[in-house]
């Protein structure tokens, strides 16, 4: 049976159109009659702005088919009423920062489906640069079903995402305050950072506090160092000899106050985050029943020491237990995925993975897949996808921690570093594999079991031998193992 040829719409939706085909399609859309099938007959387009929004509807719905509305809530409600009067049931608009959030909430509240699209996917043909033409162009693309809706987090998870992102900003503010402290000390020629590895530790903060209280004797300040500091009392005292200018002391005090204020804000975020996490339901996944393999698939408990006190930037709440309850699985069982990474995944993606049909869709959304243009079965363009994604960044950071890991994933990452042309490529490939494992845990409920680095090395050797045997057999040869000499 002959394979049925796909239509233009089907090829575009499946992502098999090359660059020339997309360019031809853009020219056809610019024409009055593009010859495409109408998918959304009651579609509209909105060009989102800071002070006003331009909205376009089909010309037969209103004599003035393009109207401008202000950004006030009353104007947004008037826009929703006008769209409903024009019998518009779906609109397309670009996800431009935070300007589209109030508009999205009001339109969905009036029963209008909103499609948030990536601005890179709505590139106009040359000459279309005004706000009026932009909203008309979005309406036309949406009418023919040529726009893809962006992923949107569950409503119940939005509070968790907001607090977690806010806390991350406070962590960065604290890091900048530490750099500010070091700069002020260096300008006073106080070389404390050269003898103490972390000036935010017990010894560093005790010495800085006494300096701000007026103590200037370097030997008395050196007595405040902790016994675990490797530097001697004399080395610490010599590093504390400098100039005590009033302006630099004021700068140091401001930096210390900023540092402590940032940590106070983190603690408040932790308390708020605890409430949001407690309100989320417990997620139970149906794990596959594999008879006779219970002992082989049961995850091994990691031997851990007594739980230490949380570090300065770590949350004060028990995130691991909450994440396991909410997700239904323990994401931290995957080597390289710590509690911070797991919380980032939960706050940005949630527990509902139905928006990603397969693991390939998930990794593509993360930007961890290559960008290829294929024409005639050949790759005509290969480049890097520049996608700004917090979850992808978290997976990349998790991949870098596996370099010295004596686990299956650690051995796999070291193998990728040898095979791929650059370390960045290896990090990206390993990050993609971690993302696939997380997707499988959240969708299938299977626990991750570390099989050890020796297992990966053994399987890699078996694959290499199988490849060599097939190549030798293709040339009519046979591999004979070498017997070691006694």
Protein backbone atom coordinates (compact mmCIF):
# COMPACT_ATOMS: atom_id res chain seq x y z
CA UNK A 1 0.00 0.00 0.00
CA UNK A 2 1.45 3.36 -1.03
CA UNK A 3 2.29 5.73 1.80
CA UNK A 4 -0.13 8.64 1.92
CA UNK A 5 1.54 12.00 1.36
CA UNK A 6 1.24 14.43 4.24
CA UNK A 7 -0.34 17.81 3.76
CA UNK A 8 1.57 21.06 4.35
CA UNK A 9 -0.11 21.50 7.70
CA UNK A 10 0.76 17.95 8.81
CA UNK A 11 4.40 18.29 7.72
CA UNK A 12 4.73 21.58 9.56
CA UNK A 13 3.21 20.18 12.73
CA UNK A 14 5.48 17.13 12.61
CA UNK A 15 8.56 19.31 12.18
CA UNK A 16 9.69 17.75 8.85
CA UNK A 17 9.64 20.95 6.78
CA UNK A 18 13.03 22.28 5.79
CA UNK A 19 14.09 25.90 5.57
CA UNK A 20 13.08 26.41 1.94
CA UNK A 21 9.64 24.91 2.52
CA UNK A 22 9.05 27.16 5.50
CA UNK A 23 10.12 30.20 3.45
CA UNK A 24 7.69 29.25 0.65
CA UNK A 25 4.93 28.77 3.20
CA UNK A 26 5.57 32.26 4.59
CA UNK A 27 5.18 33.74 1.11
CA UNK A 28 1.92 31.89 0.60
CA UNK A 29 0.60 33.12 3.93
CA UNK A 30 1.39 36.68 2.91
CA UNK A 31 -0.91 36.25 -0.09
CA UNK A 32 -4.64 36.80 0.13
CA UNK A 33 -5.42 33.15 -0.57
CA UNK A 34 -2.70 30.88 0.84
CA UNK A 35 -4.63 27.75 -0.09
CA UNK A 36 -4.44 26.19 3.38
CA UNK A 37 -7.10 24.49 5.44
CA UNK A 38 -8.71 26.65 8.11
CA UNK A 39 -8.27 24.96 11.47
CA UNK A 40 -9.54 27.69 13.83
CA UNK A 41 -12.29 29.71 12.09
CA UNK A 42 -12.97 31.81 15.21
CA UNK A 43 -9.39 32.85 15.93
CA UNK A 44 -7.94 36.21 16.87
CA UNK A 45 -4.48 37.66 17.33
CA UNK A 46 -3.07 39.96 20.01
CA UNK A 47 0.14 41.96 19.89
CA UNK A 48 1.09 42.38 23.55
CA UNK A 49 2.71 45.61 24.67
CA UNK A 50 3.58 47.50 27.83
CA UNK A 51 1.10 50.39 27.57
CA UNK A 52 -1.43 48.96 25.11
CA UNK A 53 -2.42 45.80 23.24
CA UNK A 54 -3.48 45.53 19.57
CA UNK A 55 -6.17 42.93 18.84
CA UNK A 56 -7.20 41.61 15.43
CA UNK A 57 -10.32 39.60 14.52
CA UNK A 58 -11.59 38.42 11.12
CA UNK A 59 -12.88 41.35 8.98
CA UNK A 60 -16.42 39.94 8.85
CA UNK A 61 -16.81 40.09 12.65
CA UNK A 62 -16.54 43.86 13.14
CA UNK A 63 -16.20 46.88 10.82
CA UNK A 64 -13.13 47.88 12.83
CA UNK A 65 -11.38 44.51 12.89
CA UNK A 66 -8.23 45.82 14.58
CA UNK A 67 -8.57 47.72 17.85
CA UNK A 68 -6.20 49.01 20.51
CA UNK A 69 -6.85 48.45 24.20
CA UNK A 70 -5.05 49.85 27.21
CA UNK A 71 -3.24 47.87 29.86
CA UNK A 72 -5.61 48.69 32.73
CA UNK A 73 -7.79 45.92 34.10
CA UNK A 74 -10.96 47.68 32.92
CA UNK A 75 -9.58 47.80 29.37
CA UNK A 76 -8.60 44.14 29.49
CA UNK A 77 -12.13 43.21 30.54
CA UNK A 78 -13.50 45.39 27.75
CA UNK A 79 -11.21 43.54 25.33
CA UNK A 80 -12.53 40.17 26.51
CA UNK A 81 -16.12 41.37 26.11
CA UNK A 82 -15.39 42.62 22.58
CA UNK A 83 -13.79 39.30 21.60
CA UNK A 84 -16.78 37.41 22.94
CA UNK A 85 -19.13 39.69 21.00
CA UNK A 86 -17.11 38.92 17.86
CA UNK A 87 -17.58 35.16 18.52
CA UNK A 88 -13.85 34.59 19.06
CA UNK A 89 -13.15 31.43 21.05
CA UNK A 90 -9.34 31.31 20.77
CA UNK A 91 -6.60 33.92 20.45
CA UNK A 92 -2.85 33.74 19.88
CA UNK A 93 -0.32 36.04 21.48
CA UNK A 94 3.39 36.01 22.07
CA UNK A 95 4.75 35.14 25.51
CA UNK A 96 6.54 38.46 26.01
CA UNK A 97 7.82 38.61 29.57
CA UNK A 98 5.25 39.27 32.28
CA UNK A 99 3.01 41.56 30.22
CA UNK A 100 0.93 38.64 28.97
CA UNK A 101 0.15 37.19 32.43
CA UNK A 102 -2.75 39.53 33.42
CA UNK A 103 -4.15 39.32 29.90
CA UNK A 104 -4.00 35.52 29.98
CA UNK A 105 -5.85 35.35 33.31
CA UNK A 106 -8.67 37.66 32.23
CA UNK A 107 -9.22 36.06 28.82
CA UNK A 108 -9.28 32.52 30.20
CA UNK A 109 -11.68 33.72 32.88
CA UNK A 110 -14.09 34.75 30.06
CA UNK A 111 -13.87 31.30 28.46
CA UNK A 112 -11.46 32.27 25.65
CA UNK A 113 -8.67 29.83 24.92
CA UNK A 114 -5.30 31.57 24.84
CA UNK A 115 -2.38 30.15 22.86
CA UNK A 116 0.97 31.47 24.08
CA UNK A 117 3.52 31.12 21.31
CA UNK A 118 7.26 31.53 21.13
CA UNK A 119 8.22 34.77 19.39
CA UNK A 120 10.83 32.90 17.34
CA UNK A 121 8.07 30.76 15.83
CA UNK A 122 6.11 33.76 14.52
CA UNK A 123 8.74 35.49 12.44
CA UNK A 124 7.10 37.79 9.92
CA UNK A 125 7.78 38.14 6.25
CA UNK A 126 9.87 41.24 5.39
CA UNK A 127 8.03 44.52 5.86
CA UNK A 128 5.59 43.45 8.58
CA UNK A 129 6.83 45.38 11.57
CA UNK A 130 3.91 47.49 12.85
CA UNK A 131 1.72 46.52 15.78
CA UNK A 132 -1.39 46.39 13.58
CA UNK A 133 0.21 44.06 11.05
CA UNK A 134 1.74 41.95 13.84
CA UNK A 135 -1.61 41.11 15.44
CA UNK A 136 -3.10 40.39 11.99
CA UNK A 137 -0.18 38.10 11.21
CA UNK A 138 -0.68 36.19 14.46
CA UNK A 139 -4.38 35.83 13.69
CA UNK A 140 -3.64 34.45 10.23
CA UNK A 141 -1.10 31.93 11.50
CA UNK A 142 -3.44 30.80 14.24
CA UNK A 143 -6.38 30.52 11.85
CA UNK A 144 -4.50 27.94 9.77
CA UNK A 145 -3.22 26.06 12.83
CA UNK A 146 0.43 26.94 12.26
CA UNK A 147 1.21 27.95 15.86
CA UNK A 148 2.21 25.70 18.72
CA UNK A 149 1.03 26.40 22.24
CA UNK A 150 3.77 26.86 24.82
CA UNK A 151 4.03 24.74 27.93
CA UNK A 152 2.22 26.25 30.87
CA UNK A 153 2.65 25.15 34.47
CA UNK A 154 -0.28 23.85 36.49
CA UNK A 155 -2.10 26.57 38.36
CA UNK A 156 -1.54 24.87 41.72
CA UNK A 157 2.23 24.92 41.11
CA UNK A 158 2.52 28.59 40.23
CA UNK A 159 2.89 29.64 43.86
CA UNK A 160 5.77 27.20 44.35
CA UNK A 161 7.49 28.48 41.21
CA UNK A 162 7.11 32.13 42.25
CA UNK A 163 8.57 31.59 45.73
CA UNK A 164 11.40 29.36 44.47
CA UNK A 165 12.44 31.89 41.81
CA UNK A 166 12.27 34.67 44.39
CA UNK A 167 14.46 32.66 46.76
CA UNK A 168 16.97 32.08 43.96
CA UNK A 169 17.25 35.84 43.49
CA UNK A 170 17.97 36.25 47.21
CA UNK A 171 20.73 33.62 46.94
CA UNK A 172 22.32 35.59 44.12
CA UNK A 173 21.98 38.81 46.13
CA UNK A 174 23.82 37.13 49.02
CA UNK A 175 26.60 36.05 46.64
CA UNK A 176 27.00 39.62 45.38
CA UNK A 177 27.12 40.85 48.98
CA UNK A 178 29.97 38.43 49.73
CA UNK A 179 31.91 39.77 46.73
CA UNK A 180 31.23 43.28 47.99
CA UNK A 181 32.64 42.36 51.42
CA UNK A 182 35.80 40.94 49.85
CA UNK A 183 36.24 44.05 47.73
CA UNK A 184 35.92 46.37 50.76
CA UNK A 185 38.42 44.29 52.76
CA UNK A 186 40.89 44.23 49.87
CA UNK A 187 40.74 48.01 49.50
CA UNK A 188 41.66 48.23 53.20
CA UNK A 189 44.47 45.72 52.49
CA UNK A 190 42.84 43.24 54.85
CA UNK A 191 43.86 39.96 53.19
CA UNK A 192 41.48 37.81 55.21
CA UNK A 193 40.33 35.84 52.15
CA UNK A 194 43.90 34.58 51.62
CA UNK A 195 44.09 32.81 54.98
CA UNK A 196 40.44 31.84 55.44
CA UNK A 197 38.75 30.01 52.59
CA UNK A 198 35.28 31.37 53.34
CA UNK A 199 34.80 34.77 54.97
CA UNK A 200 31.13 33.95 55.55
CA UNK A 201 32.07 31.08 57.87
CA UNK A 202 32.27 31.16 61.65
CA UNK A 203 35.79 32.59 61.81
CA UNK A 204 35.34 35.12 59.02
CA UNK A 205 32.08 36.52 60.32
CA UNK A 206 33.38 36.69 63.90
CA UNK A 207 36.42 38.69 62.78
CA UNK A 208 34.41 41.03 60.54
CA UNK A 209 31.86 41.63 63.31
CA UNK A 210 34.62 42.67 65.73
CA UNK A 211 36.16 44.93 63.09
CA UNK A 212 32.84 46.72 62.67
CA UNK A 213 32.58 47.03 66.47
CA UNK A 214 35.88 48.93 66.55
CA UNK A 215 38.53 46.30 67.30
CA UNK A 216 41.81 47.06 65.47
CA UNK A 217 44.36 44.84 67.22
CA UNK A 218 45.25 42.11 64.66
CA UNK A 219 46.33 39.64 67.36
CA UNK A 220 43.07 39.92 69.25
CA UNK A 221 41.20 39.49 65.98
CA UNK A 222 43.34 36.45 65.14
CA UNK A 223 42.28 34.81 68.40
CA UNK A 224 38.73 34.65 67.03
CA UNK A 225 39.64 32.09 64.36
CA UNK A 226 38.22 28.59 64.70
CA UNK A 227 40.54 25.74 65.63
CA UNK A 228 39.88 24.04 62.27
CA UNK A 229 41.39 26.96 60.33
CA UNK A 230 44.70 25.72 58.91
CA UNK A 231 46.37 29.12 58.92
CA UNK A 232 48.39 29.92 62.03
CA UNK A 233 47.58 32.71 64.46
CA UNK A 234 50.48 34.75 63.13
CA UNK A 235 49.38 34.37 59.49
CA UNK A 236 45.85 35.51 60.35
CA UNK A 237 47.20 38.46 62.35
CA UNK A 238 49.49 39.57 59.51
CA UNK A 239 46.57 39.46 57.09
CA UNK A 240 44.59 41.81 59.35
CA UNK A 241 47.06 44.69 59.20
CA UNK A 242 45.68 47.42 56.97
CA UNK A 243 44.19 50.88 56.78
CA UNK A 244 40.95 51.59 58.60
CA UNK A 245 39.42 54.31 56.47
CA UNK A 246 35.98 55.41 57.58
CA UNK A 247 34.47 55.28 54.09
CA UNK A 248 35.69 51.72 53.51
CA UNK A 249 34.40 50.60 56.91
CA UNK A 250 31.01 52.07 55.99
CA UNK A 251 31.10 50.16 52.71
CA UNK A 252 31.94 46.94 54.57
CA UNK A 253 29.08 47.48 57.01
CA UNK A 254 26.64 48.00 54.14
CA UNK A 255 27.81 44.78 52.46
CA UNK A 256 27.44 42.79 55.71
CA UNK A 257 23.95 44.19 56.28
CA UNK A 258 22.96 43.26 52.72
CA UNK A 259 24.29 39.74 53.24
CA UNK A 260 22.31 39.18 56.44
CA UNK A 261 19.18 40.77 54.96
CA UNK A 262 19.34 38.42 51.96
CA UNK A 263 19.49 35.43 54.29
CA UNK A 264 16.59 36.78 56.30
CA UNK A 265 14.58 36.97 53.08
CA UNK A 266 15.56 33.37 52.29
CA UNK A 267 14.22 32.17 55.65
CA UNK A 268 10.92 33.95 54.99
CA UNK A 269 10.74 32.32 51.56
CA UNK A 270 11.37 28.94 53.18
CA UNK A 271 8.42 29.43 55.52
CA UNK A 272 6.16 30.49 52.66
CA UNK A 273 7.38 27.64 50.46
CA UNK A 274 6.62 25.13 53.20
CA UNK A 275 2.99 26.24 53.20
CA UNK A 276 2.65 25.98 49.42
CA UNK A 277 4.24 22.51 49.35
CA UNK A 278 2.00 21.29 52.17
CA UNK A 279 -1.08 22.30 50.16
CA UNK A 280 -0.10 20.11 47.21
CA UNK A 281 -1.70 16.66 47.04
CA UNK A 282 0.20 13.42 47.51
CA UNK A 283 1.03 11.82 44.18
CA UNK A 284 0.90 8.03 43.94
CA UNK A 285 2.28 6.32 40.84
CA UNK A 286 1.34 2.81 39.76
CA UNK A 287 4.62 0.97 39.59
CA UNK A 288 4.96 -1.91 37.13
CA UNK A 289 4.57 -5.34 38.69
CA UNK A 290 7.52 -7.45 37.64
CA UNK A 291 7.29 -10.89 39.18
CA UNK A 292 10.55 -12.49 40.15
CA UNK A 293 12.50 -9.30 39.81
CA UNK A 294 11.58 -7.53 43.00
CA UNK A 295 14.99 -7.99 44.54
CA UNK A 296 16.78 -6.89 41.36
CA UNK A 297 14.81 -3.70 40.93
CA UNK A 298 14.52 -2.63 44.55
CA UNK A 299 16.51 0.53 45.10
CA UNK A 300 19.38 0.26 47.50
CA UNK A 301 19.41 2.56 50.46
CA UNK A 302 22.44 4.81 50.40
CA UNK A 303 24.53 4.75 53.54
CA UNK A 304 24.49 8.28 54.82
CA UNK A 305 25.95 9.79 57.92
CA UNK A 306 24.06 11.83 60.42
CA UNK A 307 22.25 14.59 58.61
CA UNK A 308 24.36 17.75 58.93
CA UNK A 309 22.96 21.17 59.55
CA UNK A 310 21.83 22.91 56.35
CA UNK A 311 24.37 25.22 54.77
CA UNK A 312 23.79 28.94 54.66
CA UNK A 313 22.04 28.99 51.26
CA UNK A 314 20.17 25.69 51.64
CA UNK A 315 16.49 25.63 52.63
CA UNK A 316 15.71 25.09 56.30
CA UNK A 317 12.74 22.83 55.55
CA UNK A 318 12.85 19.09 54.79
CA UNK A 319 12.48 19.35 51.03
CA UNK A 320 13.43 15.74 50.32
CA UNK A 321 10.47 14.24 52.18
CA UNK A 322 8.04 16.77 50.67
CA UNK A 323 9.32 16.18 47.13
CA UNK A 324 9.01 12.42 47.50
CA UNK A 325 5.42 12.81 48.72
CA UNK A 326 4.42 15.22 45.95
CA UNK A 327 6.17 13.46 43.06
CA UNK A 328 5.50 9.90 44.22
CA UNK A 329 9.15 8.99 43.55
CA UNK A 330 12.51 10.00 44.95
CA UNK A 331 14.22 12.05 42.24
CA UNK A 332 17.32 12.40 44.41
CA UNK A 333 17.97 8.67 43.99
CA UNK A 334 19.44 9.56 40.59
CA UNK A 335 23.13 10.33 41.01
CA UNK A 336 23.80 14.02 40.40
CA UNK A 337 20.23 15.10 41.23
CA UNK A 338 20.27 16.76 44.63
CA UNK A 339 17.39 18.31 46.54
CA UNK A 340 17.91 21.77 45.00
CA UNK A 341 17.82 20.35 41.46
CA UNK A 342 14.74 18.26 42.22
CA UNK A 343 12.94 21.29 43.67
CA UNK A 344 13.82 23.32 40.56
CA UNK A 345 12.36 20.59 38.35
CA UNK A 346 9.18 20.44 40.43
CA UNK A 347 8.68 24.21 40.52
CA UNK A 348 9.25 24.68 36.78
CA UNK A 349 7.63 21.53 35.32
CA UNK A 350 5.36 20.16 38.03
CA UNK A 351 4.29 16.55 38.37
CA UNK A 352 1.95 16.38 35.36
CA UNK A 353 4.04 15.36 32.35
CA UNK A 354 1.05 14.98 30.01
CA UNK A 355 2.18 18.09 28.14
CA UNK A 356 5.13 16.08 26.82
CA UNK A 357 3.96 12.95 24.96
CA UNK A 358 7.42 11.36 24.96
CA UNK A 359 10.78 11.87 26.57
CA UNK A 360 12.03 13.28 23.26
CA UNK A 361 9.43 16.06 23.45
CA UNK A 362 10.57 16.82 26.99
CA UNK A 363 14.26 17.05 26.12
CA UNK A 364 13.47 19.11 23.03
CA UNK A 365 11.53 21.60 25.16
CA UNK A 366 14.55 21.83 27.45
CA UNK A 367 16.77 22.69 24.48
CA UNK A 368 19.02 19.66 25.07
CA UNK A 369 18.66 18.38 21.51
CA UNK A 370 20.52 19.55 18.39
CA UNK A 371 18.96 21.79 15.76
CA UNK A 372 18.87 20.13 12.35
CA UNK A 373 17.51 21.24 8.98
CA UNK A 374 16.91 18.22 6.73
CA UNK A 375 16.24 18.36 3.00
CA UNK A 376 16.06 15.30 0.77
CA UNK A 377 17.07 13.08 3.65
CA UNK A 378 20.31 15.02 4.18
CA UNK A 379 21.27 17.38 6.98
CA UNK A 380 21.80 20.81 5.40
CA UNK A 381 22.10 22.81 8.60
CA UNK A 382 23.33 21.84 12.05
CA UNK A 383 23.60 24.32 14.89
CA UNK A 384 23.10 24.90 18.57
CA UNK A 385 19.68 25.65 19.99
CA UNK A 386 19.81 28.72 22.18
CA UNK A 387 17.10 28.01 24.72
CA UNK A 388 16.98 29.75 28.09
CA UNK A 389 15.53 27.18 30.46
CA UNK A 390 16.06 26.97 34.21
CA UNK A 391 15.47 23.22 34.29
CA UNK A 392 18.01 22.62 31.52
CA UNK A 393 20.56 24.68 33.44
CA UNK A 394 19.88 22.60 36.55
CA UNK A 395 20.42 19.39 34.58
CA UNK A 396 23.70 20.74 33.20
CA UNK A 397 24.91 21.58 36.70
CA UNK A 398 23.91 18.10 37.85
CA UNK A 399 25.85 16.54 34.97
CA UNK A 400 29.08 18.32 35.95
CA UNK A 401 28.95 16.78 39.44
CA UNK A 402 29.31 13.27 37.97
CA UNK A 403 32.90 13.69 36.83
CA UNK A 404 34.42 11.87 39.82
CA UNK A 405 31.37 9.79 40.69
CA UNK A 406 32.08 6.05 41.01
CA UNK A 407 28.62 5.16 39.69
CA UNK A 408 27.04 4.00 36.44
CA UNK A 409 26.15 7.57 35.49
CA UNK A 410 29.60 8.82 36.43
CA UNK A 411 31.23 6.26 34.15
CA UNK A 412 28.84 7.18 31.36
CA UNK A 413 29.69 10.88 31.71
CA UNK A 414 33.44 10.20 31.60
CA UNK A 415 32.90 8.08 28.48
CA UNK A 416 31.02 10.96 26.81
CA UNK A 417 33.86 13.35 27.61
CA UNK A 418 36.22 11.04 25.72
CA UNK A 419 33.94 10.48 22.74
CA UNK A 420 32.46 13.92 22.08
CA UNK A 421 34.52 16.80 20.64
CA UNK A 422 34.12 19.19 23.59
CA UNK A 423 33.29 19.11 27.27
CA UNK A 424 30.27 21.31 26.61
CA UNK A 425 28.85 18.68 24.26
CA UNK A 426 29.42 15.98 26.88
CA UNK A 427 27.67 18.07 29.54
CA UNK A 428 24.71 18.62 27.24
CA UNK A 429 24.48 14.93 26.33
CA UNK A 430 24.67 13.86 29.97
CA UNK A 431 22.11 16.50 30.95
CA UNK A 432 19.75 15.08 28.34
CA UNK A 433 20.18 11.58 29.76
CA UNK A 434 19.41 12.83 33.27
CA UNK A 435 16.30 14.55 31.91
CA UNK A 436 15.20 11.26 30.32
CA UNK A 437 15.64 9.44 33.63
CA UNK A 438 13.59 12.07 35.47
CA UNK A 439 10.85 11.82 32.83
CA UNK A 440 10.72 8.05 33.21
CA UNK A 441 10.53 8.27 36.99
CA UNK A 442 7.70 10.80 36.89
CA UNK A 443 5.69 8.91 34.26
CA UNK A 444 6.35 5.25 35.01
CA UNK A 445 7.10 5.34 38.72
CA UNK A 446 10.17 3.14 38.31
CA UNK A 447 12.90 3.62 40.89
CA UNK A 448 16.42 4.35 39.71
CA UNK A 449 18.95 1.70 40.72
CA UNK A 450 22.66 2.38 40.35
CA UNK A 451 24.28 -0.57 38.60
CA UNK A 452 27.82 0.60 39.28
CA UNK A 453 30.63 1.87 37.09
CA UNK A 454 31.85 -1.68 36.41
CA UNK A 455 28.54 -2.55 34.75
CA UNK A 456 28.86 0.34 32.31
CA UNK A 457 32.47 -0.55 31.48
CA UNK A 458 31.53 -4.19 30.90
CA UNK A 459 28.64 -3.31 28.60
CA UNK A 460 30.77 -0.80 26.73
CA UNK A 461 33.43 -3.47 26.15
CA UNK A 462 30.80 -5.94 24.95
CA UNK A 463 29.44 -3.39 22.46
CA UNK A 464 32.91 -2.66 21.10
CA UNK A 465 33.63 -6.37 20.66
CA UNK A 466 30.31 -6.90 18.88
CA UNK A 467 31.12 -4.05 16.47
CA UNK A 468 34.60 -5.45 15.77
CA UNK A 469 33.21 -8.94 15.15
CA UNK A 470 30.60 -7.63 12.69
CA UNK A 471 33.24 -5.63 10.80
CA UNK A 472 35.57 -8.61 10.63
CA UNK A 473 32.75 -10.88 9.47
CA UNK A 474 31.87 -8.40 6.71
CA UNK A 475 35.42 -8.80 5.35
CA UNK A 476 35.40 -12.58 5.72
CA UNK A 477 37.58 -12.54 8.81
CA UNK A 478 37.25 -13.84 12.32
CA UNK A 479 38.47 -12.45 15.59
CA UNK A 480 40.69 -14.72 17.68
CA UNK A 481 41.42 -13.73 21.27
CA UNK A 482 45.06 -13.42 22.21
CA UNK A 483 46.24 -15.87 24.84
CA UNK A 484 48.40 -14.10 27.39
CA UNK A 485 51.94 -15.44 27.64
CA UNK A 486 52.76 -17.33 30.81
